[in-house]
Amino acid sequence: MPSEPVPDVNLPAPWAAFLDELDSRVPEPVALHCIGGFVLTVWYGVPRVTSDLDCVAVLPHHDLEAIAGRGSGLAKRHKIYLQYVAVNTMPEDYETRLTELFPGRFKNLRICVPDPYDLMLSKLERNSPKDREDVEYLVGKLKLNPNLLRERYEREQRPNLSNESRHDLTLKLWLDLFPPQAQFST
């Protein structure tokens, strides 16, 4: 995990009550590697509502969907739920760049989020209209380096993808979202 300080992030309703209750029901420390709308809205400020917490990893493994997944009592009470994302190719070393949100807030939960480059690359395979909007938002809000996105894709993600030419094209379209001056930054 990075050691740089985490900005003060407020945990909005209904997420605070949902995660507090989930934390009380988890028997040991658990790290959730989260992606998707929750991360985009809570961490990066994307102005939209989401009703799920997408996780690509839960370490150590627990069946948290039984406790907090769609249809669980917890989900029914709070009208939000946790789900594992089965089809997702994260960059190989994303774990080394995770940031913990809300450190010390929970007894057992550690909510971990990828850096913006890894978050964008987590959306590359699906490339839905909402994914493209999210990438455009992150590019517009943060001072990101398109060369770093390209390098990370080529080094850590592309070797693990099928249909490389399709994903190469998607990356090219996403790189075109960067401001022209960013195209030449190092």
N, C-alpha and C. Protein backbone atom coordinates (compact mmCIF):
# COMPACT_ATOMS: atom_id res chain seq x y z
N MET A 1 0.83 -1.18 0.00
CA MET A 1 0.00 0.00 0.00
C MET A 1 0.87 1.24 0.00
N PRO A 2 0.46 2.28 -0.73
CA PRO A 2 1.22 3.51 -0.72
C PRO A 2 1.23 4.11 0.68
N SER A 3 2.28 4.83 1.00
CA SER A 3 2.39 5.41 2.33
C SER A 3 1.97 6.87 2.37
N GLU A 4 1.65 7.47 1.23
CA GLU A 4 1.27 8.87 1.23
C GLU A 4 -0.06 9.04 1.97
N PRO A 5 -0.27 10.22 2.59
CA PRO A 5 -1.49 10.43 3.35
C PRO A 5 -2.72 10.39 2.44
N VAL A 6 -3.80 9.89 3.00
CA VAL A 6 -5.06 9.81 2.27
C VAL A 6 -5.87 11.05 2.61
N PRO A 7 -6.41 11.74 1.60
CA PRO A 7 -7.24 12.90 1.90
C PRO A 7 -8.45 12.47 2.73
N ASP A 8 -9.00 13.41 3.48
CA ASP A 8 -10.19 13.12 4.28
C ASP A 8 -11.35 12.86 3.33
N VAL A 9 -11.85 11.66 3.37
CA VAL A 9 -12.96 11.28 2.51
C VAL A 9 -14.14 10.95 3.41
N ASN A 10 -15.26 11.62 3.17
CA ASN A 10 -16.46 11.32 3.93
C ASN A 10 -17.14 10.11 3.34
N LEU A 11 -17.63 9.26 4.19
CA LEU A 11 -18.37 8.08 3.77
C LEU A 11 -19.85 8.44 3.82
N PRO A 12 -20.46 8.65 2.66
CA PRO A 12 -21.85 9.12 2.64
C PRO A 12 -22.84 8.01 2.99
N ALA A 13 -24.03 8.44 3.37
CA ALA A 13 -25.14 7.50 3.55
C ALA A 13 -25.55 7.01 2.17
N PRO A 14 -26.00 5.82 2.04
CA PRO A 14 -26.18 4.77 3.05
C PRO A 14 -24.94 3.91 3.26
N TRP A 15 -23.82 4.28 2.62
CA TRP A 15 -22.61 3.46 2.69
C TRP A 15 -22.07 3.34 4.10
N ALA A 16 -22.13 4.41 4.88
CA ALA A 16 -21.57 4.37 6.24
C ALA A 16 -22.25 3.29 7.07
N ALA A 17 -23.58 3.30 7.11
CA ALA A 17 -24.31 2.31 7.91
C ALA A 17 -24.11 0.90 7.37
N PHE A 18 -24.12 0.76 6.05
CA PHE A 18 -23.93 -0.55 5.42
C PHE A 18 -22.56 -1.14 5.77
N LEU A 19 -21.51 -0.35 5.60
CA LEU A 19 -20.16 -0.84 5.87
C LEU A 19 -19.90 -1.03 7.37
N ASP A 20 -20.51 -0.17 8.21
CA ASP A 20 -20.39 -0.38 9.66
C ASP A 20 -20.99 -1.72 10.06
N GLU A 21 -22.17 -2.02 9.52
CA GLU A 21 -22.82 -3.29 9.85
C GLU A 21 -22.03 -4.47 9.28
N LEU A 22 -21.55 -4.34 8.05
CA LEU A 22 -20.73 -5.41 7.47
C LEU A 22 -19.48 -5.63 8.32
N ASP A 23 -18.84 -4.55 8.73
CA ASP A 23 -17.64 -4.64 9.57
C ASP A 23 -17.93 -5.41 10.86
N SER A 24 -19.08 -5.18 11.45
CA SER A 24 -19.42 -5.86 12.71
C SER A 24 -19.69 -7.34 12.51
N ARG A 25 -19.96 -7.75 11.27
CA ARG A 25 -20.29 -9.16 10.99
C ARG A 25 -19.13 -9.95 10.41
N VAL A 26 -18.02 -9.29 10.13
CA VAL A 26 -16.84 -9.98 9.58
C VAL A 26 -15.98 -10.44 10.77
N PRO A 27 -15.63 -11.74 10.81
CA PRO A 27 -14.96 -12.28 12.00
C PRO A 27 -13.47 -11.95 12.14
N GLU A 28 -12.85 -11.44 11.08
CA GLU A 28 -11.41 -11.16 11.13
C GLU A 28 -11.11 -10.05 10.13
N PRO A 29 -9.91 -9.46 10.18
CA PRO A 29 -9.56 -8.42 9.21
C PRO A 29 -9.66 -8.92 7.77
N VAL A 30 -10.30 -8.10 6.94
CA VAL A 30 -10.53 -8.43 5.53
C VAL A 30 -10.25 -7.18 4.69
N ALA A 31 -9.47 -7.35 3.63
CA ALA A 31 -9.21 -6.26 2.69
C ALA A 31 -10.09 -6.45 1.46
N LEU A 32 -10.86 -5.42 1.14
CA LEU A 32 -11.69 -5.43 -0.07
C LEU A 32 -10.99 -4.58 -1.12
N HIS A 33 -10.66 -5.16 -2.27
CA HIS A 33 -10.09 -4.41 -3.39
C HIS A 33 -11.27 -3.98 -4.25
N CYS A 34 -11.62 -2.71 -4.16
CA CYS A 34 -12.86 -2.20 -4.75
C CYS A 34 -12.60 -1.44 -6.04
N ILE A 35 -13.52 -1.57 -6.98
CA ILE A 35 -13.51 -0.81 -8.23
C ILE A 35 -14.94 -0.34 -8.49
N GLY A 36 -15.16 0.27 -9.62
CA GLY A 36 -16.52 0.58 -10.04
C GLY A 36 -17.07 1.88 -9.49
N GLY A 37 -18.40 1.97 -9.54
CA GLY A 37 -19.10 3.19 -9.20
C GLY A 37 -18.87 3.69 -7.79
N PHE A 38 -18.76 2.78 -6.82
CA PHE A 38 -18.50 3.20 -5.44
C PHE A 38 -17.20 3.99 -5.37
N VAL A 39 -16.15 3.46 -5.96
CA VAL A 39 -14.84 4.14 -5.94
C VAL A 39 -14.93 5.47 -6.68
N LEU A 40 -15.58 5.46 -7.82
CA LEU A 40 -15.68 6.68 -8.62
C LEU A 40 -16.47 7.77 -7.91
N THR A 41 -17.54 7.41 -7.21
CA THR A 41 -18.35 8.43 -6.54
C THR A 41 -17.73 8.88 -5.22
N VAL A 42 -17.31 7.92 -4.38
CA VAL A 42 -16.80 8.27 -3.05
C VAL A 42 -15.39 8.85 -3.10
N TRP A 43 -14.51 8.26 -3.90
CA TRP A 43 -13.10 8.66 -3.92
C TRP A 43 -12.82 9.77 -4.93
N TYR A 44 -13.39 9.64 -6.13
CA TYR A 44 -13.07 10.59 -7.20
C TYR A 44 -14.16 11.63 -7.47
N GLY A 45 -15.30 11.52 -6.80
CA GLY A 45 -16.33 12.55 -6.90
C GLY A 45 -17.17 12.54 -8.16
N VAL A 46 -17.26 11.40 -8.85
CA VAL A 46 -18.12 11.32 -10.03
C VAL A 46 -19.56 11.54 -9.56
N PRO A 47 -20.28 12.47 -10.19
CA PRO A 47 -21.63 12.80 -9.75
C PRO A 47 -22.68 11.80 -10.27
N ARG A 48 -22.74 10.63 -9.62
CA ARG A 48 -23.78 9.66 -9.95
C ARG A 48 -24.04 8.79 -8.73
N VAL A 49 -25.13 8.08 -8.79
CA VAL A 49 -25.52 7.20 -7.69
C VAL A 49 -25.19 5.77 -8.08
N THR A 50 -24.72 4.99 -7.12
CA THR A 50 -24.48 3.57 -7.35
C THR A 50 -25.05 2.79 -6.18
N SER A 51 -25.50 1.59 -6.46
CA SER A 51 -26.10 0.78 -5.40
C SER A 51 -25.29 -0.46 -5.08
N ASP A 52 -24.07 -0.56 -5.65
CA ASP A 52 -23.27 -1.75 -5.37
C ASP A 52 -21.82 -1.38 -5.10
N LEU A 53 -21.17 -2.28 -4.39
CA LEU A 53 -19.75 -2.17 -4.09
C LEU A 53 -19.08 -3.32 -4.81
N ASP A 54 -18.40 -3.01 -5.92
CA ASP A 54 -17.75 -4.03 -6.75
C ASP A 54 -16.38 -4.35 -6.17
N CYS A 55 -16.11 -5.63 -5.96
CA CYS A 55 -14.82 -6.08 -5.42
C CYS A 55 -14.17 -7.04 -6.39
N VAL A 56 -12.89 -6.83 -6.67
CA VAL A 56 -12.14 -7.77 -7.50
C VAL A 56 -11.39 -8.77 -6.63
N ALA A 57 -11.21 -8.45 -5.36
CA ALA A 57 -10.53 -9.37 -4.44
C ALA A 57 -11.00 -9.10 -3.02
N VAL A 58 -11.07 -10.16 -2.25
CA VAL A 58 -11.35 -10.10 -0.82
C VAL A 58 -10.30 -10.98 -0.17
N LEU A 59 -9.44 -10.37 0.65
CA LEU A 59 -8.32 -11.11 1.24
C LEU A 59 -8.33 -11.02 2.75
N PRO A 60 -8.31 -12.09 3.51
CA PRO A 60 -8.46 -13.45 3.02
C PRO A 60 -9.87 -13.68 2.49
N HIS A 61 -10.04 -14.73 1.75
CA HIS A 61 -11.32 -14.98 1.09
C HIS A 61 -12.42 -15.24 2.12
N HIS A 62 -13.50 -14.55 1.96
CA HIS A 62 -14.72 -14.75 2.75
C HIS A 62 -15.89 -14.67 1.79
N ASP A 63 -16.96 -15.36 2.11
CA ASP A 63 -18.16 -15.27 1.28
C ASP A 63 -18.98 -14.07 1.75
N LEU A 64 -18.48 -12.89 1.47
CA LEU A 64 -19.17 -11.68 1.91
C LEU A 64 -20.48 -11.46 1.16
N GLU A 65 -20.63 -12.07 -0.02
CA GLU A 65 -21.90 -11.93 -0.72
C GLU A 65 -23.03 -12.59 0.07
N ALA A 66 -22.74 -13.62 0.85
CA ALA A 66 -23.78 -14.24 1.68
C ALA A 66 -24.25 -13.26 2.76
N ILE A 67 -23.33 -12.44 3.24
CA ILE A 67 -23.65 -11.47 4.30
C ILE A 67 -24.21 -10.18 3.72
N ALA A 68 -23.62 -9.70 2.61
CA ALA A 68 -23.92 -8.35 2.13
C ALA A 68 -24.24 -8.29 0.64
N GLY A 69 -24.39 -9.43 -0.01
CA GLY A 69 -24.67 -9.44 -1.44
C GLY A 69 -26.13 -9.13 -1.75
N ARG A 70 -26.42 -9.04 -3.04
CA ARG A 70 -27.78 -8.77 -3.50
C ARG A 70 -28.73 -9.81 -2.89
N GLY A 71 -29.81 -9.35 -2.32
CA GLY A 71 -30.79 -10.24 -1.72
C GLY A 71 -30.54 -10.57 -0.26
N SER A 72 -29.38 -10.20 0.28
CA SER A 72 -29.09 -10.46 1.70
C SER A 72 -29.92 -9.52 2.58
N GLY A 73 -30.04 -9.88 3.84
CA GLY A 73 -30.74 -9.01 4.78
C GLY A 73 -30.09 -7.64 4.88
N LEU A 74 -28.77 -7.62 4.87
CA LEU A 74 -28.03 -6.36 4.93
C LEU A 74 -28.35 -5.49 3.71
N ALA A 75 -28.37 -6.10 2.55
CA ALA A 75 -28.69 -5.35 1.32
C ALA A 75 -30.13 -4.84 1.34
N LYS A 76 -31.04 -5.65 1.82
CA LYS A 76 -32.45 -5.23 1.88
C LYS A 76 -32.63 -4.06 2.84
N ARG A 77 -31.91 -4.09 3.97
CA ARG A 77 -32.02 -3.01 4.94
C ARG A 77 -31.47 -1.69 4.41
N HIS A 78 -30.36 -1.76 3.69
CA HIS A 78 -29.66 -0.53 3.28
C HIS A 78 -29.87 -0.16 1.81
N LYS A 79 -30.48 -1.06 1.05
CA LYS A 79 -30.77 -0.84 -0.38
C LYS A 79 -29.50 -0.69 -1.23
N ILE A 80 -28.41 -1.27 -0.75
CA ILE A 80 -27.15 -1.35 -1.49
C ILE A 80 -26.54 -2.71 -1.18
N TYR A 81 -25.57 -3.14 -1.97
CA TYR A 81 -25.02 -4.47 -1.78
C TYR A 81 -23.59 -4.56 -2.27
N LEU A 82 -22.92 -5.63 -1.86
CA LEU A 82 -21.56 -5.94 -2.28
C LEU A 82 -21.63 -7.04 -3.33
N GLN A 83 -20.77 -6.94 -4.35
CA GLN A 83 -20.70 -8.03 -5.33
C GLN A 83 -19.28 -8.23 -5.80
N TYR A 84 -18.95 -9.50 -6.04
CA TYR A 84 -17.66 -9.83 -6.64
C TYR A 84 -17.76 -9.61 -8.14
N VAL A 85 -16.73 -9.06 -8.72
CA VAL A 85 -16.67 -8.87 -10.17
C VAL A 85 -15.82 -10.01 -10.72
N ALA A 86 -16.48 -10.94 -11.39
CA ALA A 86 -15.79 -12.15 -11.84
C ALA A 86 -14.95 -11.92 -13.09
N VAL A 87 -15.48 -11.18 -14.05
CA VAL A 87 -14.77 -10.99 -15.32
C VAL A 87 -14.12 -9.62 -15.28
N ASN A 88 -12.85 -9.61 -14.94
CA ASN A 88 -12.14 -8.35 -14.86
C ASN A 88 -10.65 -8.64 -14.91
N THR A 89 -9.96 -7.99 -15.82
CA THR A 89 -8.51 -8.15 -15.91
C THR A 89 -7.86 -6.87 -15.39
N MET A 90 -7.37 -6.95 -14.17
CA MET A 90 -6.66 -5.82 -13.57
C MET A 90 -5.21 -5.86 -14.03
N PRO A 91 -4.54 -4.70 -14.06
CA PRO A 91 -3.10 -4.70 -14.32
C PRO A 91 -2.38 -5.59 -13.29
N GLU A 92 -1.33 -6.25 -13.72
CA GLU A 92 -0.67 -7.27 -12.89
C GLU A 92 -0.27 -6.80 -11.50
N ASP A 93 0.28 -5.62 -11.37
CA ASP A 93 0.80 -5.17 -10.08
C ASP A 93 -0.10 -4.14 -9.38
N TYR A 94 -1.39 -4.15 -9.69
CA TYR A 94 -2.28 -3.13 -9.12
C TYR A 94 -2.25 -3.14 -7.59
N GLU A 95 -2.05 -4.33 -6.98
CA GLU A 95 -2.08 -4.43 -5.51
C GLU A 95 -1.02 -3.54 -4.86
N THR A 96 0.09 -3.33 -5.54
CA THR A 96 1.17 -2.52 -4.97
C THR A 96 0.83 -1.03 -4.96
N ARG A 97 -0.23 -0.66 -5.68
CA ARG A 97 -0.60 0.76 -5.79
C ARG A 97 -1.93 1.07 -5.12
N LEU A 98 -2.49 0.13 -4.38
CA LEU A 98 -3.76 0.37 -3.71
C LEU A 98 -3.62 1.42 -2.62
N THR A 99 -4.70 2.14 -2.38
CA THR A 99 -4.79 3.10 -1.28
C THR A 99 -5.95 2.67 -0.40
N GLU A 100 -5.74 2.68 0.90
CA GLU A 100 -6.82 2.33 1.82
C GLU A 100 -7.64 3.58 2.11
N LEU A 101 -8.94 3.46 1.89
CA LEU A 101 -9.86 4.53 2.28
C LEU A 101 -10.27 4.31 3.74
N PHE A 102 -10.50 5.36 4.44
CA PHE A 102 -11.01 5.30 5.81
C PHE A 102 -10.12 4.48 6.75
N PRO A 103 -8.79 4.65 6.72
CA PRO A 103 -7.95 3.85 7.61
C PRO A 103 -8.32 4.11 9.07
N GLY A 104 -8.46 3.02 9.82
CA GLY A 104 -8.79 3.12 11.23
C GLY A 104 -10.26 3.27 11.54
N ARG A 105 -11.10 3.47 10.54
CA ARG A 105 -12.53 3.67 10.78
C ARG A 105 -13.22 2.36 11.16
N PHE A 106 -12.79 1.27 10.56
CA PHE A 106 -13.43 -0.03 10.78
C PHE A 106 -12.52 -0.94 11.60
N LYS A 107 -13.14 -1.86 12.32
CA LYS A 107 -12.38 -2.83 13.10
C LYS A 107 -11.75 -3.88 12.18
N ASN A 108 -12.52 -4.41 11.23
CA ASN A 108 -12.05 -5.53 10.41
C ASN A 108 -11.96 -5.23 8.91
N LEU A 109 -12.72 -4.28 8.42
CA LEU A 109 -12.71 -4.00 6.98
C LEU A 109 -11.58 -3.05 6.61
N ARG A 110 -10.96 -3.33 5.50
CA ARG A 110 -10.02 -2.39 4.87
C ARG A 110 -10.54 -2.18 3.45
N ILE A 111 -11.00 -0.99 3.16
CA ILE A 111 -11.53 -0.66 1.84
C ILE A 111 -10.37 -0.10 1.02
N CYS A 112 -9.94 -0.84 0.00
CA CYS A 112 -8.77 -0.46 -0.79
C CYS A 112 -9.19 -0.14 -2.22
N VAL A 113 -8.61 0.92 -2.76
CA VAL A 113 -8.97 1.34 -4.12
C VAL A 113 -7.72 1.48 -4.98
N PRO A 114 -7.87 1.19 -6.27
CA PRO A 114 -6.72 1.33 -7.17
C PRO A 114 -6.45 2.78 -7.52
N ASP A 115 -5.24 3.05 -7.97
CA ASP A 115 -4.94 4.40 -8.46
C ASP A 115 -5.76 4.64 -9.73
N PRO A 116 -5.84 5.89 -10.20
CA PRO A 116 -6.73 6.18 -11.33
C PRO A 116 -6.36 5.44 -12.61
N TYR A 117 -5.09 5.18 -12.83
CA TYR A 117 -4.68 4.46 -14.05
C TYR A 117 -5.18 3.02 -14.00
N ASP A 118 -5.00 2.36 -12.86
CA ASP A 118 -5.48 0.99 -12.72
C ASP A 118 -7.01 0.94 -12.78
N LEU A 119 -7.66 1.93 -12.19
CA LEU A 119 -9.12 1.98 -12.25
C LEU A 119 -9.59 2.10 -13.70
N MET A 120 -8.95 2.98 -14.46
CA MET A 120 -9.32 3.12 -15.87
C MET A 120 -9.08 1.81 -16.62
N LEU A 121 -7.93 1.20 -16.39
CA LEU A 121 -7.62 -0.05 -17.10
C LEU A 121 -8.55 -1.18 -16.69
N SER A 122 -9.14 -1.11 -15.49
CA SER A 122 -10.10 -2.13 -15.07
C SER A 122 -11.36 -2.08 -15.93
N LYS A 123 -11.57 -0.97 -16.61
CA LYS A 123 -12.76 -0.78 -17.43
C LYS A 123 -12.52 -1.05 -18.91
N LEU A 124 -11.28 -1.32 -19.27
CA LEU A 124 -10.89 -1.42 -20.68
C LEU A 124 -11.60 -2.55 -21.42
N GLU A 125 -11.66 -3.74 -20.83
CA GLU A 125 -12.26 -4.88 -21.53
C GLU A 125 -13.73 -4.65 -21.83
N ARG A 126 -14.47 -4.15 -20.86
CA ARG A 126 -15.91 -3.95 -21.06
C ARG A 126 -16.16 -2.77 -21.99
N ASN A 127 -15.53 -1.63 -21.70
CA ASN A 127 -15.62 -0.44 -22.55
C ASN A 127 -17.05 -0.05 -22.88
N SER A 128 -17.91 -0.03 -21.87
CA SER A 128 -19.30 0.39 -22.07
C SER A 128 -19.35 1.92 -22.18
N PRO A 129 -20.47 2.47 -22.62
CA PRO A 129 -20.58 3.94 -22.64
C PRO A 129 -20.32 4.56 -21.26
N LYS A 130 -20.80 3.91 -20.19
CA LYS A 130 -20.55 4.43 -18.84
C LYS A 130 -19.06 4.37 -18.50
N ASP A 131 -18.37 3.31 -18.95
CA ASP A 131 -16.93 3.21 -18.72
C ASP A 131 -16.20 4.36 -19.40
N ARG A 132 -16.58 4.65 -20.63
CA ARG A 132 -15.93 5.76 -21.36
C ARG A 132 -16.21 7.09 -20.67
N GLU A 133 -17.43 7.28 -20.17
CA GLU A 133 -17.75 8.51 -19.42
C GLU A 133 -16.88 8.62 -18.17
N ASP A 134 -16.69 7.50 -17.49
CA ASP A 134 -15.85 7.50 -16.28
C ASP A 134 -14.41 7.87 -16.60
N VAL A 135 -13.88 7.29 -17.67
CA VAL A 135 -12.51 7.60 -18.09
C VAL A 135 -12.41 9.09 -18.45
N GLU A 136 -13.38 9.58 -19.19
CA GLU A 136 -13.38 10.99 -19.57
C GLU A 136 -13.42 11.89 -18.33
N TYR A 137 -14.22 11.51 -17.34
CA TYR A 137 -14.30 12.28 -16.11
C TYR A 137 -12.95 12.30 -15.39
N LEU A 138 -12.33 11.14 -15.24
CA LEU A 138 -11.03 11.07 -14.55
C LEU A 138 -9.96 11.87 -15.29
N VAL A 139 -9.95 11.78 -16.61
CA VAL A 139 -8.98 12.54 -17.41
C VAL A 139 -9.21 14.03 -17.22
N GLY A 140 -10.48 14.46 -17.17
CA GLY A 140 -10.80 15.87 -17.01
C GLY A 140 -10.53 16.40 -15.61
N LYS A 141 -10.69 15.56 -14.61
CA LYS A 141 -10.56 16.00 -13.22
C LYS A 141 -9.12 15.93 -12.71
N LEU A 142 -8.39 14.90 -13.11
CA LEU A 142 -7.05 14.67 -12.56
C LEU A 142 -5.99 15.00 -13.60
N LYS A 143 -4.82 15.37 -13.15
CA LYS A 143 -3.71 15.62 -14.08
C LYS A 143 -2.99 14.30 -14.29
N LEU A 144 -3.49 13.53 -15.23
CA LEU A 144 -2.95 12.20 -15.50
C LEU A 144 -2.01 12.23 -16.69
N ASN A 145 -1.10 11.31 -16.69
CA ASN A 145 -0.11 11.21 -17.76
C ASN A 145 -0.52 10.09 -18.71
N PRO A 146 -0.86 10.42 -19.95
CA PRO A 146 -1.29 9.38 -20.89
C PRO A 146 -0.21 8.35 -21.18
N ASN A 147 1.06 8.79 -21.09
CA ASN A 147 2.15 7.84 -21.32
C ASN A 147 2.20 6.76 -20.24
N LEU A 148 1.90 7.13 -19.01
CA LEU A 148 1.87 6.15 -17.93
C LEU A 148 0.73 5.15 -18.14
N LEU A 149 -0.42 5.64 -18.57
CA LEU A 149 -1.55 4.75 -18.87
C LEU A 149 -1.16 3.76 -19.96
N ARG A 150 -0.56 4.26 -21.02
CA ARG A 150 -0.15 3.40 -22.13
C ARG A 150 0.90 2.38 -21.69
N GLU A 151 1.90 2.84 -20.95
CA GLU A 151 2.97 1.93 -20.49
C GLU A 151 2.43 0.84 -19.57
N ARG A 152 1.55 1.23 -18.66
CA ARG A 152 1.00 0.24 -17.74
C ARG A 152 0.14 -0.78 -18.49
N TYR A 153 -0.63 -0.30 -19.44
CA TYR A 153 -1.43 -1.21 -20.28
C TYR A 153 -0.52 -2.20 -20.99
N GLU A 154 0.51 -1.69 -21.66
CA GLU A 154 1.38 -2.56 -22.46
C GLU A 154 2.17 -3.54 -21.59
N ARG A 155 2.61 -3.10 -20.41
CA ARG A 155 3.46 -3.93 -19.56
C ARG A 155 2.66 -4.89 -18.67
N GLU A 156 1.52 -4.42 -18.13
CA GLU A 156 0.85 -5.18 -17.08
C GLU A 156 -0.51 -5.76 -17.46
N GLN A 157 -1.10 -5.29 -18.55
CA GLN A 157 -2.44 -5.77 -18.85
C GLN A 157 -2.55 -6.45 -20.21
N ARG A 158 -1.99 -5.85 -21.22
CA ARG A 158 -2.12 -6.37 -22.58
C ARG A 158 -1.71 -7.83 -22.71
N PRO A 159 -0.61 -8.27 -22.07
CA PRO A 159 -0.22 -9.68 -22.20
C PRO A 159 -1.27 -10.67 -21.69
N ASN A 160 -2.21 -10.20 -20.87
CA ASN A 160 -3.22 -11.08 -20.28
C ASN A 160 -4.58 -10.99 -20.96
N LEU A 161 -4.66 -10.24 -22.04
CA LEU A 161 -5.94 -10.04 -22.72
C LEU A 161 -6.01 -10.87 -24.00
N SER A 162 -7.20 -11.31 -24.31
CA SER A 162 -7.42 -11.87 -25.64
C SER A 162 -7.90 -10.72 -26.52
N ASN A 163 -7.86 -10.90 -27.81
CA ASN A 163 -8.29 -9.87 -28.75
C ASN A 163 -7.55 -8.55 -28.51
N GLU A 164 -6.23 -8.64 -28.55
CA GLU A 164 -5.39 -7.48 -28.25
C GLU A 164 -5.67 -6.29 -29.15
N SER A 165 -5.94 -6.54 -30.43
CA SER A 165 -6.16 -5.42 -31.35
C SER A 165 -7.39 -4.61 -30.95
N ARG A 166 -8.42 -5.27 -30.47
CA ARG A 166 -9.62 -4.56 -30.02
C ARG A 166 -9.29 -3.67 -28.82
N HIS A 167 -8.55 -4.21 -27.87
CA HIS A 167 -8.21 -3.44 -26.67
C HIS A 167 -7.18 -2.35 -26.97
N ASP A 168 -6.30 -2.59 -27.92
CA ASP A 168 -5.38 -1.54 -28.37
C ASP A 168 -6.16 -0.36 -28.92
N LEU A 169 -7.20 -0.64 -29.69
CA LEU A 169 -8.03 0.42 -30.25
C LEU A 169 -8.76 1.18 -29.14
N THR A 170 -9.30 0.44 -28.18
CA THR A 170 -9.97 1.09 -27.06
C THR A 170 -9.01 2.02 -26.33
N LEU A 171 -7.80 1.54 -26.06
CA LEU A 171 -6.82 2.39 -25.39
C LEU A 171 -6.53 3.63 -26.22
N LYS A 172 -6.38 3.48 -27.51
CA LYS A 172 -6.12 4.63 -28.38
C LYS A 172 -7.25 5.65 -28.28
N LEU A 173 -8.49 5.18 -28.30
CA LEU A 173 -9.63 6.09 -28.17
C LEU A 173 -9.61 6.79 -26.82
N TRP A 174 -9.24 6.08 -25.78
CA TRP A 174 -9.16 6.69 -24.46
C TRP A 174 -8.02 7.69 -24.37
N LEU A 175 -6.90 7.40 -24.99
CA LEU A 175 -5.78 8.34 -24.98
C LEU A 175 -6.14 9.63 -25.70
N ASP A 176 -7.03 9.54 -26.68
CA ASP A 176 -7.49 10.74 -27.38
C ASP A 176 -8.31 11.66 -26.48
N LEU A 177 -8.75 11.18 -25.32
CA LEU A 177 -9.51 12.01 -24.38
C LEU A 177 -8.61 12.96 -23.60
N PHE A 178 -7.31 12.69 -23.58
CA PHE A 178 -6.38 13.55 -22.86
C PHE A 178 -6.19 14.86 -23.61
N PRO A 179 -5.98 15.96 -22.89
CA PRO A 179 -5.71 17.23 -23.56
C PRO A 179 -4.46 17.11 -24.42
N PRO A 180 -4.39 17.86 -25.52
CA PRO A 180 -3.24 17.74 -26.43
C PRO A 180 -1.89 17.93 -25.73
N GLN A 181 -1.77 18.87 -24.81
CA GLN A 181 -0.49 19.10 -24.15
C GLN A 181 -0.08 17.89 -23.30
N ALA A 182 -1.05 17.12 -22.81
CA ALA A 182 -0.72 15.94 -22.01
C ALA A 182 -0.14 14.83 -22.86
N GLN A 183 -0.43 14.84 -24.15
CA GLN A 183 0.06 13.80 -25.05
C GLN A 183 1.58 13.78 -25.11
N PHE A 184 2.20 14.89 -24.77
CA PHE A 184 3.65 14.98 -24.90
C PHE A 184 4.35 15.04 -23.55
N SER A 185 3.59 14.90 -22.46
CA SER A 185 4.24 14.95 -21.14
C SER A 185 4.99 13.65 -20.89
N THR A 186 5.94 13.71 -19.97
CA THR A 186 6.73 12.51 -19.68
C THR A 186 6.47 12.01 -18.28
